[in-house]
């Protein structure tokens, strides 16, 4: 992946360090293709959508720097951690009008993931999707 550093990777885990640029969300989505996750196409799309939303938030709100993305498929669960250099924040309810552009990332994460959260005093957001029940069968 051009412009990224692959810190480590196994059959079920990959960690990326990406410069905050417009192509960072696409590079993060492609990283999911590099691990064995067992997701069917619909759930793979959902994970990629949520990765895109969180990395896009980092690009929009962090400024210069890098974003670290850790993707792991283990015991029927996909976990994604996104850590950027932005200021810490406390996720809150959406206050914009429903037809306003932007601002839907955490709403989608909340609605489509099995679990999610953030760490206080940092810009580290994570989500998990329980994929075991949705694994492809041969």
N, C-alpha and C. Protein backbone atom coordinates (compact mmCIF):
# COMPACT_ATOMS: atom_id res chain seq x y z
N UNK A 1 0.83 -1.18 0.00
CA UNK A 1 0.00 0.00 0.00
C UNK A 1 0.87 1.24 0.00
N UNK A 2 0.77 2.02 -1.00
CA UNK A 2 1.59 3.20 -1.12
C UNK A 2 1.30 4.18 0.01
N UNK A 3 2.35 4.71 0.60
CA UNK A 3 2.18 5.71 1.64
C UNK A 3 1.82 5.15 2.99
N UNK A 4 1.81 3.86 3.17
CA UNK A 4 1.47 3.29 4.46
C UNK A 4 2.62 2.45 4.96
N UNK A 5 2.59 2.19 6.24
CA UNK A 5 3.55 1.29 6.85
C UNK A 5 2.78 0.12 7.41
N UNK A 6 3.12 -1.07 6.97
CA UNK A 6 2.51 -2.27 7.51
C UNK A 6 3.36 -2.69 8.70
N UNK A 7 2.88 -2.44 9.90
CA UNK A 7 3.65 -2.74 11.10
C UNK A 7 3.76 -4.23 11.35
N UNK A 8 2.67 -4.90 11.25
CA UNK A 8 2.69 -6.34 11.45
C UNK A 8 1.45 -6.92 10.79
N UNK A 9 1.54 -8.16 10.43
CA UNK A 9 0.39 -8.80 9.84
C UNK A 9 0.48 -10.30 10.02
N UNK A 10 -0.65 -10.89 10.27
CA UNK A 10 -0.75 -12.34 10.35
C UNK A 10 -1.95 -12.72 9.50
N UNK A 11 -2.29 -13.99 9.51
CA UNK A 11 -3.44 -14.42 8.73
C UNK A 11 -4.73 -13.79 9.25
N UNK A 12 -4.74 -13.38 10.51
CA UNK A 12 -5.97 -12.86 11.11
C UNK A 12 -5.85 -11.44 11.65
N UNK A 13 -4.71 -10.79 11.43
CA UNK A 13 -4.53 -9.45 11.99
C UNK A 13 -3.60 -8.62 11.11
N UNK A 14 -3.91 -7.34 11.01
CA UNK A 14 -3.05 -6.41 10.30
C UNK A 14 -3.12 -5.06 11.03
N UNK A 15 -1.97 -4.39 11.10
CA UNK A 15 -1.90 -3.05 11.68
C UNK A 15 -1.26 -2.14 10.64
N UNK A 16 -1.90 -1.01 10.41
CA UNK A 16 -1.42 -0.03 9.44
C UNK A 16 -1.15 1.29 10.11
N UNK A 17 -0.17 2.01 9.59
CA UNK A 17 0.09 3.38 9.98
C UNK A 17 0.01 4.19 8.69
N UNK A 18 -1.06 4.95 8.53
CA UNK A 18 -1.32 5.67 7.28
C UNK A 18 -1.21 7.17 7.47
N UNK A 19 -0.61 7.87 6.50
CA UNK A 19 -0.66 9.33 6.54
C UNK A 19 -2.11 9.78 6.39
N UNK A 20 -2.44 10.86 7.05
CA UNK A 20 -3.80 11.40 6.96
C UNK A 20 -3.96 12.11 5.62
N UNK A 21 -4.50 11.39 4.66
CA UNK A 21 -4.70 11.89 3.31
C UNK A 21 -6.01 11.32 2.78
N UNK A 22 -6.47 11.86 1.66
CA UNK A 22 -7.76 11.44 1.13
C UNK A 22 -7.81 9.96 0.76
N UNK A 23 -6.66 9.33 0.49
CA UNK A 23 -6.67 7.92 0.13
C UNK A 23 -6.56 6.99 1.34
N UNK A 24 -6.47 7.52 2.55
CA UNK A 24 -6.34 6.68 3.75
C UNK A 24 -7.55 5.76 3.96
N UNK A 25 -8.80 6.23 3.80
CA UNK A 25 -9.92 5.31 3.99
C UNK A 25 -9.89 4.11 3.02
N UNK A 26 -9.55 4.35 1.76
CA UNK A 26 -9.48 3.26 0.79
C UNK A 26 -8.37 2.27 1.14
N UNK A 27 -7.23 2.77 1.57
CA UNK A 27 -6.13 1.89 1.97
C UNK A 27 -6.53 1.05 3.18
N UNK A 28 -7.25 1.64 4.11
CA UNK A 28 -7.70 0.90 5.29
C UNK A 28 -8.72 -0.18 4.91
N UNK A 29 -9.61 0.14 3.99
CA UNK A 29 -10.59 -0.87 3.51
C UNK A 29 -9.87 -2.04 2.86
N UNK A 30 -8.88 -1.75 2.03
CA UNK A 30 -8.14 -2.81 1.35
C UNK A 30 -7.40 -3.73 2.32
N UNK A 31 -7.03 -3.20 3.47
CA UNK A 31 -6.31 -4.00 4.46
C UNK A 31 -7.17 -5.18 4.94
N UNK A 32 -8.48 -5.01 4.99
CA UNK A 32 -9.36 -6.11 5.40
C UNK A 32 -9.24 -7.28 4.44
N UNK A 33 -8.99 -7.00 3.16
CA UNK A 33 -8.85 -8.06 2.16
C UNK A 33 -7.61 -8.92 2.41
N UNK A 34 -6.67 -8.41 3.19
CA UNK A 34 -5.42 -9.12 3.42
C UNK A 34 -5.44 -10.09 4.58
N UNK A 35 -6.57 -10.21 5.28
CA UNK A 35 -6.63 -11.16 6.40
C UNK A 35 -7.75 -12.16 6.17
N UNK A 36 -7.65 -13.28 6.84
CA UNK A 36 -8.70 -14.29 6.79
C UNK A 36 -9.75 -13.93 7.83
N UNK A 37 -10.92 -13.50 7.34
CA UNK A 37 -11.95 -13.04 8.27
C UNK A 37 -13.21 -13.88 8.24
N UNK A 38 -13.45 -14.62 7.20
CA UNK A 38 -14.61 -15.51 7.14
C UNK A 38 -15.95 -14.82 6.98
N UNK A 39 -15.96 -13.55 6.60
CA UNK A 39 -17.21 -12.82 6.43
C UNK A 39 -17.82 -13.06 5.07
N UNK A 40 -19.12 -13.13 5.02
CA UNK A 40 -19.82 -13.10 3.74
C UNK A 40 -19.76 -11.70 3.17
N UNK A 41 -20.11 -11.52 1.91
CA UNK A 41 -19.98 -10.21 1.25
C UNK A 41 -20.73 -9.08 1.95
N UNK A 42 -21.92 -9.33 2.45
CA UNK A 42 -22.70 -8.27 3.09
C UNK A 42 -22.01 -7.75 4.36
N UNK A 43 -21.49 -8.67 5.16
CA UNK A 43 -20.86 -8.26 6.41
C UNK A 43 -19.46 -7.70 6.18
N UNK A 44 -18.79 -8.17 5.13
CA UNK A 44 -17.51 -7.58 4.76
C UNK A 44 -17.73 -6.12 4.35
N UNK A 45 -18.79 -5.87 3.59
CA UNK A 45 -19.12 -4.50 3.19
C UNK A 45 -19.37 -3.63 4.42
N UNK A 46 -20.09 -4.16 5.41
CA UNK A 46 -20.39 -3.40 6.63
C UNK A 46 -19.11 -3.02 7.37
N UNK A 47 -18.20 -3.98 7.53
CA UNK A 47 -16.93 -3.69 8.20
C UNK A 47 -16.16 -2.63 7.42
N UNK A 48 -16.10 -2.76 6.11
CA UNK A 48 -15.38 -1.77 5.29
C UNK A 48 -16.03 -0.38 5.39
N UNK A 49 -17.35 -0.33 5.44
CA UNK A 49 -18.05 0.94 5.59
C UNK A 49 -17.67 1.61 6.91
N UNK A 50 -17.67 0.84 7.98
CA UNK A 50 -17.36 1.41 9.29
C UNK A 50 -15.89 1.82 9.39
N UNK A 51 -15.00 1.03 8.80
CA UNK A 51 -13.59 1.43 8.74
C UNK A 51 -13.47 2.76 8.01
N UNK A 52 -14.13 2.88 6.87
CA UNK A 52 -14.10 4.12 6.09
C UNK A 52 -14.57 5.31 6.90
N UNK A 53 -15.67 5.13 7.61
CA UNK A 53 -16.23 6.23 8.39
C UNK A 53 -15.26 6.71 9.45
N UNK A 54 -14.64 5.78 10.19
CA UNK A 54 -13.73 6.19 11.26
C UNK A 54 -12.45 6.80 10.72
N UNK A 55 -11.90 6.24 9.65
CA UNK A 55 -10.68 6.81 9.07
C UNK A 55 -10.98 8.17 8.43
N UNK A 56 -12.13 8.31 7.81
CA UNK A 56 -12.52 9.61 7.24
C UNK A 56 -12.64 10.65 8.35
N UNK A 57 -13.21 10.27 9.50
CA UNK A 57 -13.27 11.20 10.64
C UNK A 57 -11.87 11.65 11.04
N UNK A 58 -10.92 10.71 11.07
CA UNK A 58 -9.54 11.05 11.42
C UNK A 58 -8.96 12.04 10.41
N UNK A 59 -9.18 11.79 9.13
CA UNK A 59 -8.66 12.68 8.09
C UNK A 59 -9.26 14.07 8.23
N UNK A 60 -10.55 14.15 8.53
CA UNK A 60 -11.23 15.44 8.61
C UNK A 60 -10.90 16.23 9.88
N UNK A 61 -10.68 15.54 10.99
CA UNK A 61 -10.59 16.23 12.27
C UNK A 61 -9.19 16.27 12.88
N UNK A 62 -8.24 15.57 12.30
CA UNK A 62 -6.93 15.47 12.92
C UNK A 62 -5.93 16.47 12.37
N UNK A 63 -6.03 16.81 11.12
CA UNK A 63 -5.02 17.68 10.52
C UNK A 63 -3.89 16.84 9.98
N UNK A 64 -2.67 17.29 10.20
CA UNK A 64 -1.49 16.56 9.73
C UNK A 64 -1.18 15.41 10.68
N UNK A 65 -0.52 14.41 10.15
CA UNK A 65 -0.10 13.31 10.99
C UNK A 65 -0.47 11.97 10.39
N UNK A 66 -0.67 11.00 11.26
CA UNK A 66 -0.93 9.63 10.85
C UNK A 66 -2.13 9.09 11.60
N UNK A 67 -2.67 8.02 11.06
CA UNK A 67 -3.74 7.28 11.72
C UNK A 67 -3.32 5.82 11.77
N UNK A 68 -3.50 5.20 12.91
CA UNK A 68 -3.18 3.78 13.06
C UNK A 68 -4.48 3.00 13.03
N UNK A 69 -4.50 1.95 12.23
CA UNK A 69 -5.66 1.08 12.10
C UNK A 69 -5.22 -0.34 12.42
N UNK A 70 -5.91 -0.97 13.35
CA UNK A 70 -5.63 -2.35 13.72
C UNK A 70 -6.90 -3.15 13.44
N UNK A 71 -6.78 -4.16 12.58
CA UNK A 71 -7.92 -5.00 12.21
C UNK A 71 -7.58 -6.42 12.62
N UNK A 72 -8.48 -7.04 13.39
CA UNK A 72 -8.23 -8.40 13.86
C UNK A 72 -9.50 -9.23 13.76
N UNK A 73 -9.35 -10.43 13.21
CA UNK A 73 -10.43 -11.41 13.15
C UNK A 73 -10.03 -12.57 14.06
N UNK A 74 -10.78 -12.76 15.13
CA UNK A 74 -10.42 -13.78 16.09
C UNK A 74 -11.67 -14.32 16.76
N UNK A 75 -11.78 -15.62 16.83
CA UNK A 75 -12.88 -16.27 17.52
C UNK A 75 -14.25 -15.76 17.08
N UNK A 76 -14.42 -15.58 15.78
CA UNK A 76 -15.72 -15.19 15.25
C UNK A 76 -16.06 -13.72 15.41
N UNK A 77 -15.10 -12.90 15.77
CA UNK A 77 -15.34 -11.47 15.94
C UNK A 77 -14.31 -10.68 15.14
N UNK A 78 -14.76 -9.64 14.48
CA UNK A 78 -13.89 -8.68 13.80
C UNK A 78 -13.79 -7.47 14.72
N UNK A 79 -12.57 -7.07 15.05
CA UNK A 79 -12.36 -5.86 15.86
C UNK A 79 -11.50 -4.91 15.06
N UNK A 80 -11.90 -3.65 15.06
CA UNK A 80 -11.15 -2.60 14.38
C UNK A 80 -10.91 -1.48 15.39
N UNK A 81 -9.65 -1.07 15.51
CA UNK A 81 -9.27 0.07 16.34
C UNK A 81 -8.69 1.14 15.41
N UNK A 82 -9.12 2.37 15.60
CA UNK A 82 -8.61 3.50 14.83
C UNK A 82 -8.12 4.54 15.83
N UNK A 83 -6.84 4.87 15.73
CA UNK A 83 -6.22 5.82 16.65
C UNK A 83 -5.57 6.92 15.82
N UNK A 84 -5.95 8.17 16.10
CA UNK A 84 -5.34 9.27 15.35
C UNK A 84 -4.77 10.30 16.32
N UNK A 85 -4.20 11.34 15.75
CA UNK A 85 -3.51 12.36 16.54
C UNK A 85 -4.43 13.51 16.94
N UNK A 86 -5.72 13.37 16.66
CA UNK A 86 -6.65 14.44 16.96
C UNK A 86 -6.90 14.60 18.45
N UNK A 87 -7.65 15.63 18.80
CA UNK A 87 -7.96 15.85 20.21
C UNK A 87 -8.92 14.77 20.72
N UNK A 88 -8.88 14.56 22.02
CA UNK A 88 -9.82 13.60 22.59
C UNK A 88 -11.24 14.16 22.45
N UNK A 89 -12.20 13.28 22.50
CA UNK A 89 -13.58 13.71 22.38
C UNK A 89 -14.46 12.71 23.11
N UNK A 90 -15.66 13.14 23.40
CA UNK A 90 -16.66 12.26 23.99
C UNK A 90 -17.77 12.13 22.97
N UNK A 91 -17.99 10.90 22.44
CA UNK A 91 -19.06 10.73 21.46
C UNK A 91 -20.40 11.16 22.06
N UNK A 92 -21.14 11.90 21.26
CA UNK A 92 -22.44 12.36 21.72
C UNK A 92 -23.49 12.14 20.65
N UNK A 93 -24.72 12.44 20.98
CA UNK A 93 -25.79 12.25 19.99
C UNK A 93 -25.65 13.24 18.85
N UNK A 94 -26.14 12.83 17.70
CA UNK A 94 -26.11 13.69 16.51
C UNK A 94 -27.07 14.85 16.74
N UNK A 95 -26.59 16.08 16.50
CA UNK A 95 -27.43 17.25 16.73
C UNK A 95 -27.78 17.97 15.43
N UNK A 96 -27.23 17.52 14.31
CA UNK A 96 -27.53 18.14 13.03
C UNK A 96 -28.89 17.69 12.52
N UNK A 97 -29.40 18.43 11.55
CA UNK A 97 -30.64 18.05 10.89
C UNK A 97 -30.42 16.72 10.16
N UNK A 98 -31.44 15.91 10.04
CA UNK A 98 -31.32 14.61 9.41
C UNK A 98 -30.84 14.67 7.97
N UNK A 99 -31.16 15.74 7.25
CA UNK A 99 -30.76 15.82 5.85
C UNK A 99 -29.41 16.53 5.66
N UNK A 100 -28.75 16.91 6.75
CA UNK A 100 -27.44 17.57 6.65
C UNK A 100 -26.38 16.56 6.21
N UNK A 101 -25.44 17.04 5.40
CA UNK A 101 -24.34 16.18 4.97
C UNK A 101 -23.34 16.00 6.10
N UNK A 102 -22.69 14.86 6.11
CA UNK A 102 -21.63 14.60 7.09
C UNK A 102 -22.15 14.30 8.47
N UNK A 103 -21.24 13.82 9.31
CA UNK A 103 -21.59 13.58 10.69
C UNK A 103 -22.31 12.29 10.98
N UNK A 104 -22.32 11.35 10.04
CA UNK A 104 -23.04 10.09 10.24
C UNK A 104 -22.13 8.94 10.67
N UNK A 105 -20.81 9.15 10.73
CA UNK A 105 -19.88 8.06 11.01
C UNK A 105 -20.18 7.30 12.28
N UNK A 106 -20.26 8.00 13.41
CA UNK A 106 -20.49 7.32 14.68
C UNK A 106 -21.91 6.80 14.79
N UNK A 107 -22.84 7.43 14.11
CA UNK A 107 -24.21 6.91 14.08
C UNK A 107 -24.22 5.54 13.41
N UNK A 108 -23.53 5.43 12.28
CA UNK A 108 -23.44 4.14 11.58
C UNK A 108 -22.71 3.10 12.43
N UNK A 109 -21.61 3.50 13.05
CA UNK A 109 -20.88 2.57 13.91
C UNK A 109 -21.80 2.06 15.02
N UNK A 110 -22.56 2.96 15.62
CA UNK A 110 -23.46 2.58 16.69
C UNK A 110 -24.55 1.61 16.21
N UNK A 111 -25.09 1.86 15.04
CA UNK A 111 -26.19 1.05 14.54
C UNK A 111 -25.76 -0.27 13.92
N UNK A 112 -24.57 -0.34 13.34
CA UNK A 112 -24.18 -1.53 12.58
C UNK A 112 -23.19 -2.45 13.29
N UNK A 113 -22.54 -1.98 14.34
CA UNK A 113 -21.57 -2.83 15.04
C UNK A 113 -22.24 -3.57 16.19
N UNK A 114 -21.59 -4.62 16.65
CA UNK A 114 -22.08 -5.34 17.82
C UNK A 114 -21.76 -4.57 19.10
N UNK A 115 -20.58 -3.95 19.12
CA UNK A 115 -20.11 -3.15 20.24
C UNK A 115 -19.16 -2.10 19.70
N UNK A 116 -19.06 -0.99 20.41
CA UNK A 116 -18.08 0.02 20.03
C UNK A 116 -17.82 0.92 21.23
N UNK A 117 -16.76 1.69 21.13
CA UNK A 117 -16.47 2.63 22.19
C UNK A 117 -15.28 3.48 21.84
N UNK A 118 -14.89 4.29 22.80
CA UNK A 118 -13.71 5.14 22.65
C UNK A 118 -13.01 5.18 24.00
N UNK A 119 -11.76 5.59 23.97
CA UNK A 119 -10.98 5.69 25.19
C UNK A 119 -10.92 7.15 25.60
N UNK A 120 -11.16 7.42 26.88
CA UNK A 120 -11.14 8.80 27.35
C UNK A 120 -9.75 9.40 27.18
N UNK A 121 -9.73 10.68 26.96
CA UNK A 121 -8.49 11.45 26.80
C UNK A 121 -7.67 11.01 25.59
N UNK A 122 -8.34 10.50 24.55
CA UNK A 122 -7.63 10.14 23.32
C UNK A 122 -8.60 10.17 22.15
N UNK A 123 -8.05 10.03 20.96
CA UNK A 123 -8.87 9.92 19.75
C UNK A 123 -8.76 8.48 19.25
N UNK A 124 -9.11 7.54 20.10
CA UNK A 124 -9.05 6.10 19.82
C UNK A 124 -10.47 5.57 19.88
N UNK A 125 -10.96 5.15 18.72
CA UNK A 125 -12.31 4.58 18.61
C UNK A 125 -12.17 3.16 18.11
N UNK A 126 -13.00 2.26 18.63
CA UNK A 126 -12.97 0.85 18.23
C UNK A 126 -14.40 0.37 18.01
N UNK A 127 -14.50 -0.70 17.21
CA UNK A 127 -15.78 -1.39 17.08
C UNK A 127 -15.52 -2.87 16.87
N UNK A 128 -16.54 -3.65 17.20
CA UNK A 128 -16.50 -5.09 16.98
C UNK A 128 -17.78 -5.52 16.30
N UNK A 129 -17.63 -6.49 15.42
CA UNK A 129 -18.79 -7.14 14.79
C UNK A 129 -18.63 -8.63 15.02
N UNK A 130 -19.63 -9.21 15.64
CA UNK A 130 -19.63 -10.65 15.85
C UNK A 130 -19.93 -11.32 14.52
N UNK A 131 -18.89 -11.92 13.95
CA UNK A 131 -19.00 -12.46 12.60
C UNK A 131 -19.22 -13.96 12.58
N UNK A 132 -19.04 -14.64 13.70
CA UNK A 132 -19.13 -16.09 13.74
C UNK A 132 -20.44 -16.61 13.18
N UNK A 133 -21.53 -15.97 13.51
CA UNK A 133 -22.83 -16.42 13.02
C UNK A 133 -23.02 -16.14 11.54
N UNK A 134 -22.16 -15.27 10.97
CA UNK A 134 -22.33 -14.87 9.58
C UNK A 134 -21.22 -15.41 8.69
N UNK A 135 -20.34 -16.26 9.22
CA UNK A 135 -19.22 -16.76 8.43
C UNK A 135 -19.72 -17.53 7.23
N UNK A 136 -18.97 -17.40 6.15
CA UNK A 136 -19.31 -18.11 4.92
C UNK A 136 -19.10 -19.60 5.13
N UNK A 137 -19.98 -20.37 4.57
CA UNK A 137 -19.79 -21.81 4.61
C UNK A 137 -19.48 -22.28 3.21
N UNK A 138 -18.57 -23.21 3.12
CA UNK A 138 -18.15 -23.69 1.81
C UNK A 138 -19.13 -24.69 1.25
